[in-house]
C-alpha cells in the first residue's frame, strides 16, 4: 500500500477514487508512564514514554486506515493526514485519514 500526504503521486495515474478511509485508536496514559514523565518534567527534556505511546498509536491508526482501503480494493492512499482529540482526561484519540485510490504505473 502506497501512502502519501500529497494529492497525487508523481509518475502514477489515479484511475479510480474509492473514497475516504480512516483509522483511529483511543489511548490512555498509565500511572507508570506518568511517574517517569513527571520526573523528567522536573529536569526538562523529551518524554520518551509519551513519544513511544504516540508512535504506537499513529502506527495502529495507519494500520487500520490501510486495512479499510484494502477492503475497498485500493492500492494507495493520497492526502493522508493525522489529527488528535482529547476524549477524556488522560485519554486521546489519534485519527489517520485520507482518500483511497487505485493507481497504475
N, C-alpha and C. Protein backbone atom coordinates (compact mmCIF):
# COMPACT_ATOMS: atom_id res chain seq x y z
N UNK A 1 0.86 -1.18 0.00
CA UNK A 1 0.00 0.00 0.00
C UNK A 1 0.90 1.23 0.00
N UNK A 2 0.70 2.08 -0.97
CA UNK A 2 1.42 3.34 -1.06
C UNK A 2 0.60 4.42 -0.35
N UNK A 3 1.22 5.11 0.60
CA UNK A 3 0.53 6.15 1.36
C UNK A 3 1.33 7.43 1.23
N UNK A 4 0.64 8.51 0.85
CA UNK A 4 1.32 9.79 0.69
C UNK A 4 0.44 10.93 1.21
N UNK A 5 1.09 11.99 1.65
CA UNK A 5 0.33 13.16 2.12
C UNK A 5 -0.03 14.09 0.97
N UNK A 6 0.53 13.84 -0.20
CA UNK A 6 0.22 14.67 -1.37
C UNK A 6 -1.08 14.22 -2.01
N UNK A 7 -1.66 15.05 -2.86
CA UNK A 7 -2.93 14.72 -3.51
C UNK A 7 -2.76 13.89 -4.77
N UNK A 8 -1.53 13.74 -5.21
CA UNK A 8 -1.25 12.89 -6.37
C UNK A 8 0.09 12.21 -6.14
N UNK A 9 0.40 11.25 -6.99
CA UNK A 9 1.65 10.52 -6.87
C UNK A 9 2.40 10.68 -8.18
N UNK A 10 3.50 11.40 -8.16
CA UNK A 10 4.27 11.62 -9.40
C UNK A 10 4.60 10.29 -10.09
N UNK A 11 4.35 10.25 -11.38
CA UNK A 11 4.62 9.05 -12.16
C UNK A 11 3.54 8.00 -12.09
N UNK A 12 2.50 8.25 -11.34
CA UNK A 12 1.39 7.30 -11.23
C UNK A 12 0.09 8.00 -11.61
N UNK A 13 -0.78 7.26 -12.27
CA UNK A 13 -2.06 7.79 -12.69
C UNK A 13 -3.16 7.24 -11.78
N UNK A 14 -3.95 8.12 -11.18
CA UNK A 14 -5.08 7.67 -10.36
C UNK A 14 -6.21 7.31 -11.31
N UNK A 15 -6.60 6.04 -11.30
CA UNK A 15 -7.63 5.58 -12.22
C UNK A 15 -9.00 5.47 -11.57
N UNK A 16 -9.02 5.41 -10.24
CA UNK A 16 -10.29 5.27 -9.55
C UNK A 16 -10.17 5.81 -8.12
N UNK A 17 -11.17 6.53 -7.69
CA UNK A 17 -11.23 7.01 -6.31
C UNK A 17 -12.24 6.12 -5.58
N UNK A 18 -11.77 5.47 -4.52
CA UNK A 18 -12.62 4.56 -3.76
C UNK A 18 -13.35 5.27 -2.62
N UNK A 19 -12.80 6.39 -2.16
CA UNK A 19 -13.46 7.15 -1.10
C UNK A 19 -12.56 7.38 0.10
N UNK A 20 -13.10 8.11 1.05
CA UNK A 20 -12.36 8.44 2.26
C UNK A 20 -12.21 7.20 3.14
N UNK A 21 -11.02 7.06 3.72
CA UNK A 21 -10.76 5.97 4.65
C UNK A 21 -10.16 6.56 5.91
N UNK A 22 -10.34 5.84 7.01
CA UNK A 22 -9.82 6.33 8.28
C UNK A 22 -9.48 5.16 9.17
N UNK A 23 -8.65 5.46 10.14
CA UNK A 23 -8.30 4.50 11.18
C UNK A 23 -8.04 5.29 12.44
N UNK A 24 -8.51 4.79 13.56
CA UNK A 24 -8.31 5.55 14.80
C UNK A 24 -8.06 4.60 15.96
N UNK A 25 -7.54 5.19 17.01
CA UNK A 25 -7.35 4.49 18.27
C UNK A 25 -7.46 5.51 19.39
N UNK A 26 -7.98 5.09 20.50
CA UNK A 26 -8.05 5.94 21.69
C UNK A 26 -7.12 5.30 22.72
N UNK A 27 -6.20 6.08 23.17
CA UNK A 27 -5.20 5.59 24.13
C UNK A 27 -5.22 6.42 25.40
N UNK A 28 -4.95 5.76 26.50
CA UNK A 28 -4.87 6.44 27.79
C UNK A 28 -3.45 6.31 28.33
N UNK A 29 -3.05 7.31 29.08
CA UNK A 29 -1.77 7.24 29.77
C UNK A 29 -1.90 6.22 30.89
N UNK A 30 -0.75 5.80 31.43
CA UNK A 30 -0.83 4.92 32.60
C UNK A 30 0.05 5.48 33.70
N UNK A 31 -0.17 5.00 34.90
CA UNK A 31 0.50 5.54 36.09
C UNK A 31 2.02 5.44 35.96
N UNK A 32 2.52 4.32 35.49
CA UNK A 32 3.97 4.14 35.36
C UNK A 32 4.59 5.18 34.45
N UNK A 33 3.96 5.38 33.30
CA UNK A 33 4.47 6.41 32.37
C UNK A 33 4.35 7.80 32.98
N UNK A 34 3.26 8.06 33.67
CA UNK A 34 3.07 9.38 34.27
C UNK A 34 4.13 9.68 35.33
N UNK A 35 4.49 8.69 36.13
CA UNK A 35 5.51 8.90 37.16
C UNK A 35 6.86 9.21 36.53
N UNK A 36 7.25 8.41 35.51
CA UNK A 36 8.53 8.65 34.85
C UNK A 36 8.53 10.00 34.13
N UNK A 37 7.43 10.33 33.48
CA UNK A 37 7.34 11.61 32.79
C UNK A 37 7.38 12.76 33.79
N UNK A 38 6.78 12.58 34.96
CA UNK A 38 6.81 13.61 36.00
C UNK A 38 8.23 13.91 36.45
N UNK A 39 9.05 12.86 36.61
CA UNK A 39 10.45 13.06 36.98
C UNK A 39 11.20 13.83 35.89
N UNK A 40 10.96 13.45 34.63
CA UNK A 40 11.64 14.13 33.52
C UNK A 40 11.16 15.57 33.37
N UNK A 41 9.92 15.81 33.71
CA UNK A 41 9.36 17.15 33.60
C UNK A 41 10.08 18.12 34.54
N UNK A 42 10.58 17.61 35.65
CA UNK A 42 11.29 18.44 36.62
C UNK A 42 12.61 18.94 36.03
N UNK A 43 13.33 18.07 35.33
CA UNK A 43 14.65 18.44 34.79
C UNK A 43 14.59 18.87 33.33
N UNK A 44 13.47 18.67 32.68
CA UNK A 44 13.32 19.06 31.27
C UNK A 44 13.75 17.95 30.32
N UNK A 45 13.48 18.16 29.06
CA UNK A 45 13.87 17.21 28.03
C UNK A 45 12.69 16.44 27.48
N UNK A 46 12.99 15.56 26.54
CA UNK A 46 11.96 14.75 25.89
C UNK A 46 11.34 13.76 26.88
N UNK A 47 10.09 13.46 26.66
CA UNK A 47 9.38 12.47 27.47
C UNK A 47 9.19 11.21 26.61
N UNK A 48 10.19 10.33 26.60
CA UNK A 48 10.14 9.17 25.70
C UNK A 48 8.95 8.25 25.96
N UNK A 49 8.45 8.21 27.18
CA UNK A 49 7.27 7.36 27.45
C UNK A 49 6.09 7.81 26.61
N UNK A 50 5.88 9.11 26.51
CA UNK A 50 4.77 9.64 25.72
C UNK A 50 5.09 9.60 24.23
N UNK A 51 6.34 9.84 23.86
CA UNK A 51 6.74 9.75 22.46
C UNK A 51 6.45 8.35 21.93
N UNK A 52 6.81 7.33 22.70
CA UNK A 52 6.56 5.94 22.28
C UNK A 52 5.07 5.64 22.22
N UNK A 53 4.31 6.13 23.18
CA UNK A 53 2.87 5.91 23.18
C UNK A 53 2.23 6.52 21.93
N UNK A 54 2.65 7.73 21.58
CA UNK A 54 2.09 8.38 20.38
C UNK A 54 2.51 7.65 19.11
N UNK A 55 3.75 7.20 19.04
CA UNK A 55 4.23 6.48 17.85
C UNK A 55 3.45 5.17 17.67
N UNK A 56 3.24 4.45 18.75
CA UNK A 56 2.45 3.21 18.68
C UNK A 56 1.02 3.51 18.24
N UNK A 57 0.45 4.59 18.74
CA UNK A 57 -0.92 4.97 18.39
C UNK A 57 -1.02 5.35 16.92
N UNK A 58 -0.07 6.14 16.43
CA UNK A 58 -0.08 6.50 15.00
C UNK A 58 0.03 5.27 14.12
N UNK A 59 0.92 4.36 14.48
CA UNK A 59 1.10 3.14 13.68
C UNK A 59 -0.18 2.32 13.63
N UNK A 60 -0.87 2.20 14.74
CA UNK A 60 -2.12 1.44 14.78
C UNK A 60 -3.20 2.14 13.94
N UNK A 61 -3.28 3.46 14.03
CA UNK A 61 -4.27 4.20 13.24
C UNK A 61 -4.00 4.03 11.74
N UNK A 62 -2.74 4.08 11.33
CA UNK A 62 -2.39 3.90 9.91
C UNK A 62 -2.71 2.47 9.48
N UNK A 63 -2.41 1.50 10.32
CA UNK A 63 -2.73 0.10 10.01
C UNK A 63 -4.23 -0.08 9.77
N UNK A 64 -5.04 0.51 10.62
CA UNK A 64 -6.50 0.40 10.46
C UNK A 64 -6.99 1.13 9.22
N UNK A 65 -6.41 2.29 8.92
CA UNK A 65 -6.76 3.02 7.70
C UNK A 65 -6.40 2.20 6.47
N UNK A 66 -5.22 1.59 6.49
CA UNK A 66 -4.76 0.77 5.37
C UNK A 66 -5.68 -0.44 5.16
N UNK A 67 -6.08 -1.09 6.24
CA UNK A 67 -6.99 -2.23 6.13
C UNK A 67 -8.31 -1.82 5.49
N UNK A 68 -8.82 -0.65 5.85
CA UNK A 68 -10.07 -0.18 5.26
C UNK A 68 -9.89 0.08 3.77
N UNK A 69 -8.77 0.70 3.40
CA UNK A 69 -8.51 0.98 1.98
C UNK A 69 -8.40 -0.32 1.18
N UNK A 70 -7.69 -1.30 1.73
CA UNK A 70 -7.55 -2.59 1.05
C UNK A 70 -8.91 -3.27 0.88
N UNK A 71 -9.78 -3.14 1.87
CA UNK A 71 -11.10 -3.77 1.77
C UNK A 71 -11.94 -3.14 0.66
N UNK A 72 -11.62 -1.90 0.29
CA UNK A 72 -12.32 -1.22 -0.81
C UNK A 72 -11.69 -1.53 -2.17
N UNK A 73 -10.56 -2.22 -2.17
CA UNK A 73 -9.87 -2.54 -3.41
C UNK A 73 -8.86 -1.50 -3.84
N UNK A 74 -8.47 -0.63 -2.95
CA UNK A 74 -7.48 0.42 -3.26
C UNK A 74 -6.06 -0.13 -3.13
N UNK A 75 -5.14 0.49 -3.85
CA UNK A 75 -3.74 0.12 -3.71
C UNK A 75 -2.88 1.32 -3.27
N UNK A 76 -3.55 2.44 -2.96
CA UNK A 76 -2.84 3.64 -2.48
C UNK A 76 -3.80 4.52 -1.69
N UNK A 77 -3.21 5.38 -0.86
CA UNK A 77 -3.97 6.38 -0.13
C UNK A 77 -3.27 7.72 -0.35
N UNK A 78 -4.03 8.70 -0.83
CA UNK A 78 -3.47 10.04 -1.05
C UNK A 78 -4.10 11.01 -0.05
N UNK A 79 -3.42 12.12 0.17
CA UNK A 79 -3.93 13.13 1.08
C UNK A 79 -3.98 12.67 2.52
N UNK A 80 -3.07 11.78 2.92
CA UNK A 80 -3.09 11.22 4.27
C UNK A 80 -2.75 12.29 5.30
N UNK A 81 -3.48 12.27 6.40
CA UNK A 81 -3.30 13.23 7.48
C UNK A 81 -3.51 12.55 8.83
N UNK A 82 -3.02 13.20 9.87
CA UNK A 82 -3.27 12.78 11.25
C UNK A 82 -3.97 13.92 11.97
N UNK A 83 -4.80 13.56 12.92
CA UNK A 83 -5.37 14.54 13.83
C UNK A 83 -5.53 13.87 15.19
N UNK A 84 -5.63 14.67 16.20
CA UNK A 84 -5.80 14.13 17.54
C UNK A 84 -6.84 14.94 18.29
N UNK A 85 -7.49 14.29 19.23
CA UNK A 85 -8.51 14.97 20.02
C UNK A 85 -8.52 14.37 21.42
N UNK A 86 -8.72 15.22 22.41
CA UNK A 86 -8.86 14.75 23.78
C UNK A 86 -10.24 14.14 23.96
N UNK A 87 -10.30 12.94 24.49
CA UNK A 87 -11.58 12.26 24.71
C UNK A 87 -12.05 12.46 26.15
N UNK A 88 -11.12 12.28 27.06
CA UNK A 88 -11.36 12.49 28.48
C UNK A 88 -10.01 12.80 29.10
N UNK A 89 -9.99 13.19 30.35
CA UNK A 89 -8.72 13.50 30.98
C UNK A 89 -7.81 12.26 30.95
N UNK A 90 -6.66 12.41 30.33
CA UNK A 90 -5.70 11.31 30.27
C UNK A 90 -5.88 10.38 29.09
N UNK A 91 -6.86 10.62 28.20
CA UNK A 91 -7.06 9.76 27.03
C UNK A 91 -7.27 10.63 25.79
N UNK A 92 -6.64 10.20 24.70
CA UNK A 92 -6.74 10.94 23.44
C UNK A 92 -6.98 9.98 22.28
N UNK A 93 -7.63 10.52 21.26
CA UNK A 93 -7.82 9.77 20.02
C UNK A 93 -6.78 10.23 19.01
N UNK A 94 -6.21 9.28 18.31
CA UNK A 94 -5.35 9.55 17.16
C UNK A 94 -6.13 9.05 15.95
N UNK A 95 -6.31 9.92 14.97
CA UNK A 95 -7.06 9.58 13.77
C UNK A 95 -6.17 9.78 12.55
N UNK A 96 -6.08 8.75 11.71
CA UNK A 96 -5.41 8.84 10.42
C UNK A 96 -6.49 8.78 9.36
N UNK A 97 -6.42 9.66 8.37
CA UNK A 97 -7.43 9.63 7.31
C UNK A 97 -6.83 10.07 5.99
N UNK A 98 -7.48 9.67 4.91
CA UNK A 98 -7.02 10.02 3.57
C UNK A 98 -8.03 9.51 2.55
N UNK A 99 -7.64 9.56 1.29
CA UNK A 99 -8.51 9.10 0.21
C UNK A 99 -7.92 7.86 -0.42
N UNK A 100 -8.71 6.78 -0.41
CA UNK A 100 -8.29 5.52 -1.00
C UNK A 100 -8.46 5.60 -2.51
N UNK A 101 -7.43 5.21 -3.25
CA UNK A 101 -7.46 5.29 -4.70
C UNK A 101 -6.82 4.04 -5.30
N UNK A 102 -7.06 3.86 -6.58
CA UNK A 102 -6.36 2.85 -7.37
C UNK A 102 -5.44 3.62 -8.30
N UNK A 103 -4.16 3.25 -8.28
CA UNK A 103 -3.19 3.89 -9.16
C UNK A 103 -2.56 2.83 -10.07
N UNK A 104 -2.11 3.30 -11.21
CA UNK A 104 -1.36 2.43 -12.13
C UNK A 104 -0.05 3.13 -12.47
N UNK A 105 0.94 2.35 -12.85
CA UNK A 105 2.24 2.90 -13.21
C UNK A 105 2.17 3.74 -14.47
